[in-house]
Amino acid sequence: GSPCAIIQGSDEKATGEVLIKDLFLGAELAKLENREEYLRKQADAQRKVPEGKLVEAVREVLARHGVTWN
């Protein structure tokens, strides 16, 4: 039930980035049959951000799905 995953493999570590995956959006994309629509929305489902923008990027994913925090 997690809305996102944060991944930092060796490639991301070398460039000071992390990969943010929107798991809810990814699940929706997996159901699409239209390849063009899938490719258009893929950038929202998975993107690299600088390590310093990690919290901001996670908050964007949470807000997209109405998940709140205190």
PDB file of N, CA and C in Angstrom:
ATOM      1  N   GLY A   1       0.790  -1.195   0.000  1.00  0.00           N
ATOM      2  CA  GLY A   1       0.000   0.000   0.000  1.00  0.00           C
ATOM      3  C   GLY A   1       0.839   1.270   0.000  1.00  0.00           C
ATOM      4  N   SER A   2       2.139   1.153  -0.204  1.00  0.00           N
ATOM      5  CA  SER A   2       2.985   2.345  -0.215  1.00  0.00           C
ATOM      6  C   SER A   2       2.751   3.136  -1.498  1.00  0.00           C
ATOM      7  N   PRO A   3       2.634   4.468  -1.392  1.00  0.00           N
ATOM      8  CA  PRO A   3       2.413   5.267  -2.592  1.00  0.00           C
ATOM      9  C   PRO A   3       3.660   5.466  -3.440  1.00  0.00           C
ATOM     10  N   CYS A   4       4.841   5.299  -2.842  1.00  0.00           N
ATOM     11  CA  CYS A   4       6.042   5.500  -3.647  1.00  0.00           C
ATOM     12  C   CYS A   4       7.207   4.679  -3.105  1.00  0.00           C
ATOM     13  N   ALA A   5       8.206   4.553  -3.956  1.00  0.00           N
ATOM     14  CA  ALA A   5       9.448   3.874  -3.588  1.00  0.00           C
ATOM     15  C   ALA A   5      10.595   4.792  -3.964  1.00  0.00           C
ATOM     16  N   ILE A   6      11.641   4.712  -3.172  1.00  0.00           N
ATOM     17  CA  ILE A   6      12.840   5.506  -3.417  1.00  0.00           C
ATOM     18  C   ILE A   6      13.980   4.529  -3.669  1.00  0.00           C
ATOM     19  N   ILE A   7      14.650   4.708  -4.793  1.00  0.00           N
ATOM     20  CA  ILE A   7      15.712   3.784  -5.181  1.00  0.00           C
ATOM     21  C   ILE A   7      16.975   4.584  -5.464  1.00  0.00           C
ATOM     22  N   GLN A   8      18.086   4.081  -4.957  1.00  0.00           N
ATOM     23  CA  GLN A   8      19.365   4.684  -5.288  1.00  0.00           C
ATOM     24  C   GLN A   8      20.365   3.567  -5.548  1.00  0.00           C
ATOM     25  N   GLY A   9      20.473   3.215  -6.812  1.00  0.00           N
ATOM     26  CA  GLY A   9      21.457   2.231  -7.229  1.00  0.00           C
ATOM     27  C   GLY A   9      22.804   2.897  -7.430  1.00  0.00           C
ATOM     28  N   SER A  10      23.748   2.142  -7.913  1.00  0.00           N
ATOM     29  CA  SER A  10      25.100   2.688  -8.087  1.00  0.00           C
ATOM     30  C   SER A  10      25.142   3.827  -9.109  1.00  0.00           C
ATOM     31  N   ASP A  11      24.331   3.750 -10.158  1.00  0.00           N
ATOM     32  CA  ASP A  11      24.294   4.828 -11.155  1.00  0.00           C
ATOM     33  C   ASP A  11      23.766   6.123 -10.534  1.00  0.00           C
ATOM     34  N   GLU A  12      22.691   6.022  -9.771  1.00  0.00           N
ATOM     35  CA  GLU A  12      22.123   7.195  -9.126  1.00  0.00           C
ATOM     36  C   GLU A  12      23.083   7.759  -8.068  1.00  0.00           C
ATOM     37  N   LYS A  13      23.698   6.873  -7.309  1.00  0.00           N
ATOM     38  CA  LYS A  13      24.645   7.304  -6.281  1.00  0.00           C
ATOM     39  C   LYS A  13      25.798   8.091  -6.907  1.00  0.00           C
ATOM     40  N   ALA A  14      26.287   7.612  -8.032  1.00  0.00           N
ATOM     41  CA  ALA A  14      27.408   8.265  -8.709  1.00  0.00           C
ATOM     42  C   ALA A  14      27.059   9.675  -9.172  1.00  0.00           C
ATOM     43  N   THR A  15      25.784   9.905  -9.473  1.00  0.00           N
ATOM     44  CA  THR A  15      25.366  11.226  -9.956  1.00  0.00           C
ATOM     45  C   THR A  15      24.675  12.056  -8.876  1.00  0.00           C
ATOM     46  N   GLY A  16      24.586  11.521  -7.634  1.00  0.00           N
ATOM     47  CA  GLY A  16      23.954  12.262  -6.543  1.00  0.00           C
ATOM     48  C   GLY A  16      22.454  12.387  -6.703  1.00  0.00           C
ATOM     49  N   GLU A  17      21.843  11.362  -7.291  1.00  0.00           N
ATOM     50  CA  GLU A  17      20.403  11.379  -7.535  1.00  0.00           C
ATOM     51  C   GLU A  17      19.719  10.194  -6.854  1.00  0.00           C
ATOM     52  N   VAL A  18      18.394  10.269  -6.789  1.00  0.00           N
ATOM     53  CA  VAL A  18      17.566   9.141  -6.360  1.00  0.00           C
ATOM     54  C   VAL A  18      16.440   8.988  -7.375  1.00  0.00           C
ATOM     55  N   LEU A  19      15.928   7.789  -7.482  1.00  0.00           N
ATOM     56  CA  LEU A  19      14.810   7.505  -8.376  1.00  0.00           C
ATOM     57  C   LEU A  19      13.554   7.418  -7.527  1.00  0.00           C
ATOM     58  N   ILE A  20      12.557   8.229  -7.853  1.00  0.00           N
ATOM     59  CA  ILE A  20      11.272   8.217  -7.158  1.00  0.00           C
ATOM     60  C   ILE A  20      10.280   7.503  -8.071  1.00  0.00           C
ATOM     61  N   LYS A  21       9.673   6.438  -7.557  1.00  0.00           N
ATOM     62  CA  LYS A  21       8.671   5.706  -8.332  1.00  0.00           C
ATOM     63  C   LYS A  21       7.312   5.884  -7.665  1.00  0.00           C
ATOM     64  N   ASP A  22       6.365   6.415  -8.417  1.00  0.00           N
ATOM     65  CA  ASP A  22       4.984   6.558  -7.951  1.00  0.00           C
ATOM     66  C   ASP A  22       4.308   5.211  -8.192  1.00  0.00           C
ATOM     67  N   LEU A  23       4.152   4.438  -7.138  1.00  0.00           N
ATOM     68  CA  LEU A  23       3.636   3.079  -7.278  1.00  0.00           C
ATOM     69  C   LEU A  23       2.157   3.045  -7.617  1.00  0.00           C
ATOM     70  N   PHE A  24       1.389   4.011  -7.127  1.00  0.00           N
ATOM     71  CA  PHE A  24      -0.032   4.055  -7.466  1.00  0.00           C
ATOM     72  C   PHE A  24      -0.214   4.350  -8.950  1.00  0.00           C
ATOM     73  N   LEU A  25       0.489   5.354  -9.440  1.00  0.00           N
ATOM     74  CA  LEU A  25       0.396   5.701 -10.858  1.00  0.00           C
ATOM     75  C   LEU A  25       0.961   4.578 -11.723  1.00  0.00           C
ATOM     76  N   GLY A  26       2.035   3.955 -11.280  1.00  0.00           N
ATOM     77  CA  GLY A  26       2.609   2.832 -12.018  1.00  0.00           C
ATOM     78  C   GLY A  26       1.617   1.691 -12.177  1.00  0.00           C
ATOM     79  N   ALA A  27       0.840   1.416 -11.126  1.00  0.00           N
ATOM     80  CA  ALA A  27      -0.173   0.363 -11.206  1.00  0.00           C
ATOM     81  C   ALA A  27      -1.260   0.724 -12.221  1.00  0.00           C
ATOM     82  N   GLU A  28      -1.624   2.009 -12.270  1.00  0.00           N
ATOM     83  CA  GLU A  28      -2.614   2.456 -13.253  1.00  0.00           C
ATOM     84  C   GLU A  28      -2.060   2.332 -14.670  1.00  0.00           C
ATOM     85  N   LEU A  29      -0.802   2.697 -14.842  1.00  0.00           N
ATOM     86  CA  LEU A  29      -0.185   2.634 -16.168  1.00  0.00           C
ATOM     87  C   LEU A  29      -0.097   1.203 -16.686  1.00  0.00           C
ATOM     88  N   ALA A  30       0.108   0.278 -15.780  1.00  0.00           N
ATOM     89  CA  ALA A  30       0.214  -1.123 -16.190  1.00  0.00           C
ATOM     90  C   ALA A  30      -1.071  -1.625 -16.852  1.00  0.00           C
ATOM     91  N   LYS A  31      -2.182  -0.962 -16.577  1.00  0.00           N
ATOM     92  CA  LYS A  31      -3.477  -1.364 -17.144  1.00  0.00           C
ATOM     93  C   LYS A  31      -3.742  -0.749 -18.518  1.00  0.00           C
ATOM     94  N   LEU A  32      -2.946   0.253 -18.902  1.00  0.00           N
ATOM     95  CA  LEU A  32      -3.167   0.940 -20.173  1.00  0.00           C
ATOM     96  C   LEU A  32      -2.799   0.045 -21.358  1.00  0.00           C
ATOM     97  N   GLU A  33      -3.608   0.095 -22.369  1.00  0.00           N
ATOM     98  CA  GLU A  33      -3.326  -0.647 -23.593  1.00  0.00           C
ATOM     99  C   GLU A  33      -2.749   0.254 -24.677  1.00  0.00           C
ATOM    100  N   ASN A  34      -2.948   1.554 -24.545  1.00  0.00           N
ATOM    101  CA  ASN A  34      -2.471   2.523 -25.526  1.00  0.00           C
ATOM    102  C   ASN A  34      -1.025   2.888 -25.203  1.00  0.00           C
ATOM    103  N   ARG A  35      -0.099   2.472 -26.048  1.00  0.00           N
ATOM    104  CA  ARG A  35       1.333   2.689 -25.794  1.00  0.00           C
ATOM    105  C   ARG A  35       1.709   4.164 -25.737  1.00  0.00           C
ATOM    106  N   GLU A  36       1.133   4.991 -26.600  1.00  0.00           N
ATOM    107  CA  GLU A  36       1.443   6.418 -26.588  1.00  0.00           C
ATOM    108  C   GLU A  36       1.031   7.061 -25.272  1.00  0.00           C
ATOM    109  N   GLU A  37      -0.152   6.700 -24.781  1.00  0.00           N
ATOM    110  CA  GLU A  37      -0.623   7.237 -23.499  1.00  0.00           C
ATOM    111  C   GLU A  37       0.280   6.767 -22.364  1.00  0.00           C
ATOM    112  N   TYR A  38       0.681   5.501 -22.417  1.00  0.00           N
ATOM    113  CA  TYR A  38       1.589   4.947 -21.412  1.00  0.00           C
ATOM    114  C   TYR A  38       2.898   5.730 -21.383  1.00  0.00           C
ATOM    115  N   LEU A  39       3.501   5.944 -22.535  1.00  0.00           N
ATOM    116  CA  LEU A  39       4.774   6.655 -22.610  1.00  0.00           C
ATOM    117  C   LEU A  39       4.643   8.104 -22.154  1.00  0.00           C
ATOM    118  N   ARG A  40       3.522   8.732 -22.458  1.00  0.00           N
ATOM    119  CA  ARG A  40       3.285  10.117 -22.070  1.00  0.00           C
ATOM    120  C   ARG A  40       3.210  10.255 -20.548  1.00  0.00           C
ATOM    121  N   LYS A  41       2.605   9.283 -19.877  1.00  0.00           N
ATOM    122  CA  LYS A  41       2.424   9.352 -18.430  1.00  0.00           C
ATOM    123  C   LYS A  41       3.582   8.734 -17.647  1.00  0.00           C
ATOM    124  N   GLN A  42       4.448   8.001 -18.319  1.00  0.00           N
ATOM    125  CA  GLN A  42       5.548   7.309 -17.659  1.00  0.00           C
ATOM    126  C   GLN A  42       6.460   8.270 -16.900  1.00  0.00           C
ATOM    127  N   ALA A  43       6.687   9.457 -17.437  1.00  0.00           N
ATOM    128  CA  ALA A  43       7.566  10.425 -16.777  1.00  0.00           C
ATOM    129  C   ALA A  43       7.035  10.827 -15.407  1.00  0.00           C
ATOM    130  N   ASP A  44       5.723  10.808 -15.223  1.00  0.00           N
ATOM    131  CA  ASP A  44       5.148  11.134 -13.920  1.00  0.00           C
ATOM    132  C   ASP A  44       5.271   9.962 -12.944  1.00  0.00           C
ATOM    133  N   ALA A  45       5.366   8.762 -13.459  1.00  0.00           N
ATOM    134  CA  ALA A  45       5.403   7.581 -12.607  1.00  0.00           C
ATOM    135  C   ALA A  45       6.806   7.261 -12.102  1.00  0.00           C
ATOM    136  N   GLN A  46       7.815   7.777 -12.770  1.00  0.00           N
ATOM    137  CA  GLN A  46       9.193   7.457 -12.392  1.00  0.00           C
ATOM    138  C   GLN A  46      10.107   8.579 -12.852  1.00  0.00           C
ATOM    139  N   ARG A  47      10.843   9.158 -11.899  1.00  0.00           N
ATOM    140  CA  ARG A  47      11.764  10.223 -12.295  1.00  0.00           C
ATOM    141  C   ARG A  47      12.935  10.297 -11.330  1.00  0.00           C
ATOM    142  N   LYS A  48      14.052  10.775 -11.853  1.00  0.00           N
ATOM    143  CA  LYS A  48      15.241  10.978 -11.036  1.00  0.00           C
ATOM    144  C   LYS A  48      15.243  12.414 -10.537  1.00  0.00           C
ATOM    145  N   VAL A  49      15.639  12.570  -9.278  1.00  0.00           N
ATOM    146  CA  VAL A  49      15.769  13.899  -8.690  1.00  0.00           C
ATOM    147  C   VAL A  49      17.082  13.965  -7.916  1.00  0.00           C
ATOM    148  N   PRO A  50      17.636  15.166  -7.753  1.00  0.00           N
ATOM    149  CA  PRO A  50      18.835  15.292  -6.928  1.00  0.00           C
ATOM    150  C   PRO A  50      18.536  14.857  -5.487  1.00  0.00           C
ATOM    151  N   GLU A  51      19.526  14.305  -4.808  1.00  0.00           N
ATOM    152  CA  GLU A  51      19.327  13.852  -3.432  1.00  0.00           C
ATOM    153  C   GLU A  51      18.718  14.949  -2.558  1.00  0.00           C
ATOM    154  N   GLY A  52      19.108  16.191  -2.768  1.00  0.00           N
ATOM    155  CA  GLY A  52      18.607  17.306  -1.973  1.00  0.00           C
ATOM    156  C   GLY A  52      17.140  17.621  -2.200  1.00  0.00           C
ATOM    157  N   LYS A  53      16.560  17.076  -3.251  1.00  0.00           N
ATOM    158  CA  LYS A  53      15.139  17.309  -3.569  1.00  0.00           C
ATOM    159  C   LYS A  53      14.275  16.096  -3.206  1.00  0.00           C
ATOM    160  N   LEU A  54      14.835  15.135  -2.504  1.00  0.00           N
ATOM    161  CA  LEU A  54      14.129  13.894  -2.177  1.00  0.00           C
ATOM    162  C   LEU A  54      12.825  14.149  -1.438  1.00  0.00           C
ATOM    163  N   VAL A  55      12.880  14.898  -0.345  1.00  0.00           N
ATOM    164  CA  VAL A  55      11.678  15.134   0.470  1.00  0.00           C
ATOM    165  C   VAL A  55      10.616  15.854  -0.352  1.00  0.00           C
ATOM    166  N   GLU A  56      11.015  16.865  -1.097  1.00  0.00           N
ATOM    167  CA  GLU A  56      10.074  17.612  -1.932  1.00  0.00           C
ATOM    168  C   GLU A  56       9.394  16.692  -2.956  1.00  0.00           C
ATOM    169  N   ALA A  57      10.159  15.829  -3.597  1.00  0.00           N
ATOM    170  CA  ALA A  57       9.609  14.922  -4.609  1.00  0.00           C
ATOM    171  C   ALA A  57       8.646  13.915  -3.991  1.00  0.00           C
ATOM    172  N   VAL A  58       8.974  13.399  -2.820  1.00  0.00           N
ATOM    173  CA  VAL A  58       8.075  12.450  -2.146  1.00  0.00           C
ATOM    174  C   VAL A  58       6.785  13.159  -1.753  1.00  0.00           C
ATOM    175  N   ARG A  59       6.893  14.370  -1.253  1.00  0.00           N
ATOM    176  CA  ARG A  59       5.686  15.127  -0.888  1.00  0.00           C
ATOM    177  C   ARG A  59       4.799  15.368  -2.097  1.00  0.00           C
ATOM    178  N   GLU A  60       5.388  15.590  -3.265  1.00  0.00           N
ATOM    179  CA  GLU A  60       4.598  15.770  -4.490  1.00  0.00           C
ATOM    180  C   GLU A  60       3.806  14.511  -4.816  1.00  0.00           C
ATOM    181  N   VAL A  61       4.448  13.353  -4.686  1.00  0.00           N
ATOM    182  CA  VAL A  61       3.754  12.087  -4.953  1.00  0.00           C
ATOM    183  C   VAL A  61       2.626  11.897  -3.949  1.00  0.00           C
ATOM    184  N   LEU A  62       2.892  12.138  -2.682  1.00  0.00           N
ATOM    185  CA  LEU A  62       1.860  11.972  -1.653  1.00  0.00           C
ATOM    186  C   LEU A  62       0.688  12.906  -1.900  1.00  0.00           C
ATOM    187  N   ALA A  63       0.967  14.159  -2.233  1.00  0.00           N
ATOM    188  CA  ALA A  63      -0.097  15.130  -2.498  1.00  0.00           C
ATOM    189  C   ALA A  63      -0.926  14.722  -3.712  1.00  0.00           C
ATOM    190  N   ARG A  64      -0.271  14.161  -4.734  1.00  0.00           N
ATOM    191  CA  ARG A  64      -0.976  13.720  -5.938  1.00  0.00           C
ATOM    192  C   ARG A  64      -2.067  12.712  -5.614  1.00  0.00           C
ATOM    193  N   HIS A  65      -1.846  11.946  -4.556  1.00  0.00           N
ATOM    194  CA  HIS A  65      -2.794  10.893  -4.185  1.00  0.00           C
ATOM    195  C   HIS A  65      -3.596  11.214  -2.932  1.00  0.00           C
ATOM    196  N   GLY A  66      -3.508  12.449  -2.466  1.00  0.00           N
ATOM    197  CA  GLY A  66      -4.293  12.874  -1.320  1.00  0.00           C
ATOM    198  C   GLY A  66      -3.814  12.309   0.002  1.00  0.00           C
ATOM    199  N   VAL A  67      -2.561  11.864   0.061  1.00  0.00           N
ATOM    200  CA  VAL A  67      -2.007  11.345   1.296  1.00  0.00           C
ATOM    201  C   VAL A  67      -1.498  12.537   2.108  1.00  0.00           C
ATOM    202  N   THR A  68      -1.922  12.635   3.368  1.00  0.00           N
ATOM    203  CA  THR A  68      -1.508  13.745   4.203  1.00  0.00           C
ATOM    204  C   THR A  68      -0.564  13.270   5.290  1.00  0.00           C
ATOM    205  N   TRP A  69       0.200  14.176   5.816  1.00  0.00           N
ATOM    206  CA  TRP A  69       1.132  13.895   6.905  1.00  0.00           C
ATOM    207  C   TRP A  69       1.104  15.068   7.861  1.00  0.00           C
ATOM    208  N   ASN A  70       1.570  14.824   9.065  1.00  0.00           N
ATOM    209  CA  ASN A  70       1.613  15.887  10.084  1.00  0.00           C
ATOM    210  C   ASN A  70       3.027  16.318  10.348  1.00  0.00           C
TER     211      ASN A  70
END
